[in-house]
Amino acid sequence: MIWLGYFFIVILIFLNFVLQAGEVDMRLFRHLLAWSIILIIPFYFMSRENRAATRTEASLAWLWILLRRLVGILGFVMIGSICVALTIKGLDTGFSWGGVASVIFSLFMSFFILWKCWYGEGTSRDFSDDRPSHEAKKRRYGWK
């Protein structure tokens, strides 16, 4: 039931945002509602952990991992492009420790985003159980 409370809070926040001008912008409301539904998917999976996976849940899990990996790849490419741009700028302007730190940070963040979007996040919030958690989800939902 946690996800239901989350959904209610998100809808209230979005309604407040939409109604600030005194009138409802239905186009914005539809977009915000769609995003809130997308953001609630992980809470749906958490609420069903102790039950057998249904076909609907397996389909949603496949859609969720596809979306998550797409976002991860795009984030990796975007931050990797920033890293390349910082390197080229550093080559043009000369050496600086700030530039080196920016490149290293960009590389770290791009790989971090790719890892978290590819494997997801385990229960301990560190890297040690991301892959085992992902493997358990693969078995649960029948992914290859």
Protein backbone atom coordinates (compact mmCIF):
# COMPACT_ATOMS: atom_id res chain seq x y z
CA MET A 1 0.00 0.00 0.00
CA ILE A 2 3.04 2.29 0.12
CA TRP A 3 2.81 2.85 -3.62
CA LEU A 4 -0.80 3.99 -3.32
CA GLY A 5 0.20 6.65 -0.80
CA TYR A 6 3.06 7.69 -3.06
CA PHE A 7 0.70 7.98 -6.02
CA PHE A 8 -1.73 10.10 -3.98
CA ILE A 9 1.03 12.47 -2.84
CA VAL A 10 2.42 12.82 -6.36
CA ILE A 11 -1.03 13.60 -7.74
CA LEU A 12 -1.61 16.23 -5.04
CA ILE A 13 1.73 17.88 -5.79
CA PHE A 14 1.05 17.88 -9.51
CA LEU A 15 -2.48 19.22 -9.01
CA ASN A 16 -1.10 22.04 -6.89
CA PHE A 17 1.45 22.81 -9.61
CA VAL A 18 -1.16 22.70 -12.36
CA LEU A 19 -3.74 24.79 -10.47
CA GLN A 20 -1.36 27.58 -9.42
CA ALA A 21 -2.55 29.86 -12.19
CA GLY A 22 -6.19 29.36 -11.17
CA GLU A 23 -7.09 27.28 -14.19
CA VAL A 24 -6.28 23.77 -15.26
CA ASP A 25 -3.90 23.26 -18.15
CA MET A 26 -5.10 19.83 -19.26
CA ARG A 27 -2.14 19.22 -21.56
CA LEU A 28 0.29 19.76 -18.68
CA PHE A 29 -1.92 17.72 -16.35
CA ARG A 30 -1.90 14.76 -18.75
CA HIS A 31 1.89 14.90 -19.04
CA LEU A 32 2.33 15.06 -15.28
CA LEU A 33 -0.12 12.22 -14.76
CA ALA A 34 1.74 10.06 -17.28
CA TRP A 35 5.06 10.75 -15.56
CA SER A 36 3.59 9.99 -12.15
CA ILE A 37 2.34 6.64 -13.45
CA ILE A 38 5.81 5.86 -14.82
CA LEU A 39 7.40 6.81 -11.49
CA ILE A 40 5.06 4.55 -9.53
CA ILE A 41 6.13 1.35 -11.33
CA PRO A 42 8.99 0.51 -8.90
CA PHE A 43 6.61 0.82 -5.94
CA TYR A 44 4.22 -1.58 -7.66
CA PHE A 45 7.02 -4.13 -7.95
CA MET A 46 7.96 -3.69 -4.28
CA SER A 47 4.39 -4.35 -3.22
CA ARG A 48 4.34 -7.69 -5.10
CA GLU A 49 7.74 -9.09 -4.03
CA ASN A 50 6.26 -11.90 -1.91
CA ARG A 51 3.78 -13.13 -4.52
CA ALA A 52 4.23 -15.09 -7.70
CA ALA A 53 4.83 -12.93 -10.76
CA THR A 54 1.81 -12.51 -13.03
CA ARG A 55 1.97 -12.02 -16.78
CA THR A 56 1.05 -8.35 -16.33
CA GLU A 57 3.80 -7.86 -13.77
CA ALA A 58 6.35 -9.59 -16.01
CA SER A 59 5.32 -7.39 -18.94
CA LEU A 60 5.59 -4.25 -16.82
CA ALA A 61 8.98 -5.40 -15.52
CA TRP A 62 10.22 -5.91 -19.08
CA LEU A 63 8.93 -2.46 -20.09
CA TRP A 64 10.49 -0.92 -16.99
CA ILE A 65 13.92 -2.45 -17.62
CA LEU A 66 13.77 -1.39 -21.27
CA LEU A 67 12.96 2.19 -20.30
CA ARG A 68 15.57 2.18 -17.54
CA ARG A 69 18.28 0.91 -19.87
CA LEU A 70 17.36 3.42 -22.56
CA VAL A 71 17.67 6.24 -20.04
CA GLY A 72 20.96 4.78 -18.82
CA ILE A 73 22.45 4.58 -22.28
CA LEU A 74 21.33 8.11 -23.12
CA GLY A 75 22.76 9.40 -19.82
CA PHE A 76 26.02 7.58 -20.47
CA VAL A 77 26.28 9.09 -23.94
CA MET A 78 25.36 12.59 -22.79
CA ILE A 79 27.78 12.69 -19.86
CA GLY A 80 30.42 10.93 -21.95
CA SER A 81 29.99 13.70 -24.52
CA ILE A 82 30.52 16.27 -21.78
CA CYS A 83 33.69 14.42 -20.83
CA VAL A 84 34.93 14.55 -24.43
CA ALA A 85 34.03 18.25 -24.69
CA LEU A 86 35.90 19.01 -21.45
CA THR A 87 38.92 17.09 -22.72
CA ILE A 88 38.95 18.95 -26.03
CA LYS A 89 38.54 22.28 -24.22
CA GLY A 90 41.39 21.32 -21.90
CA LEU A 91 43.62 20.51 -24.85
CA ASP A 92 42.88 23.91 -26.39
CA THR A 93 43.32 26.01 -23.25
CA GLY A 94 46.14 24.11 -21.58
CA PHE A 95 46.49 21.85 -18.57
CA SER A 96 44.58 22.53 -15.35
CA TRP A 97 43.81 20.34 -12.37
CA GLY A 98 40.21 21.55 -12.44
CA GLY A 99 39.86 20.24 -15.98
CA VAL A 100 41.34 16.89 -15.02
CA ALA A 101 39.01 16.65 -12.03
CA SER A 102 36.01 17.52 -14.25
CA VAL A 103 36.92 14.81 -16.75
CA ILE A 104 37.42 12.19 -14.03
CA PHE A 105 34.14 13.17 -12.36
CA SER A 106 32.29 13.03 -15.69
CA LEU A 107 33.70 9.59 -16.44
CA PHE A 108 32.76 8.32 -12.99
CA MET A 109 29.21 9.70 -13.27
CA SER A 110 28.68 8.29 -16.76
CA PHE A 111 29.69 4.79 -15.65
CA PHE A 112 27.68 5.13 -12.42
CA ILE A 113 24.54 6.04 -14.39
CA LEU A 114 25.10 3.20 -16.83
CA TRP A 115 25.63 0.67 -14.00
CA LYS A 116 22.55 1.74 -12.01
CA CYS A 117 20.31 1.86 -15.06
CA TRP A 118 21.56 -1.47 -16.40
CA TYR A 119 21.45 -3.53 -13.20
CA GLY A 120 19.12 -1.47 -11.04
CA GLU A 121 19.61 -1.04 -7.35
CA GLY A 122 19.69 -3.73 -4.71
CA THR A 123 18.42 -3.47 -1.18
CA SER A 124 21.68 -2.39 0.48
CA ARG A 125 22.11 0.76 -1.63
CA ASP A 126 25.68 -0.03 -2.63
CA PHE A 127 27.23 -1.82 -5.57
CA SER A 128 27.68 -5.17 -3.81
CA ASP A 129 24.17 -6.53 -4.33
CA ASP A 130 23.09 -4.84 -7.57
CA ARG A 131 24.00 -7.76 -9.81
CA PRO A 132 22.64 -10.52 -7.51
CA SER A 133 19.41 -8.54 -7.15
CA HIS A 134 19.21 -8.19 -10.93
CA GLU A 135 19.83 -11.93 -11.39
CA ALA A 136 17.01 -12.69 -8.93
CA LYS A 137 14.68 -10.43 -10.90
CA LYS A 138 15.73 -12.17 -14.12
CA ARG A 139 14.72 -15.50 -12.64
CA ARG A 140 11.46 -14.09 -11.25
CA TYR A 141 10.31 -12.50 -14.49
CA GLY A 142 11.86 -14.97 -16.95
CA TRP A 143 14.25 -12.52 -18.65
CA LYS A 144 17.10 -13.83 -20.74
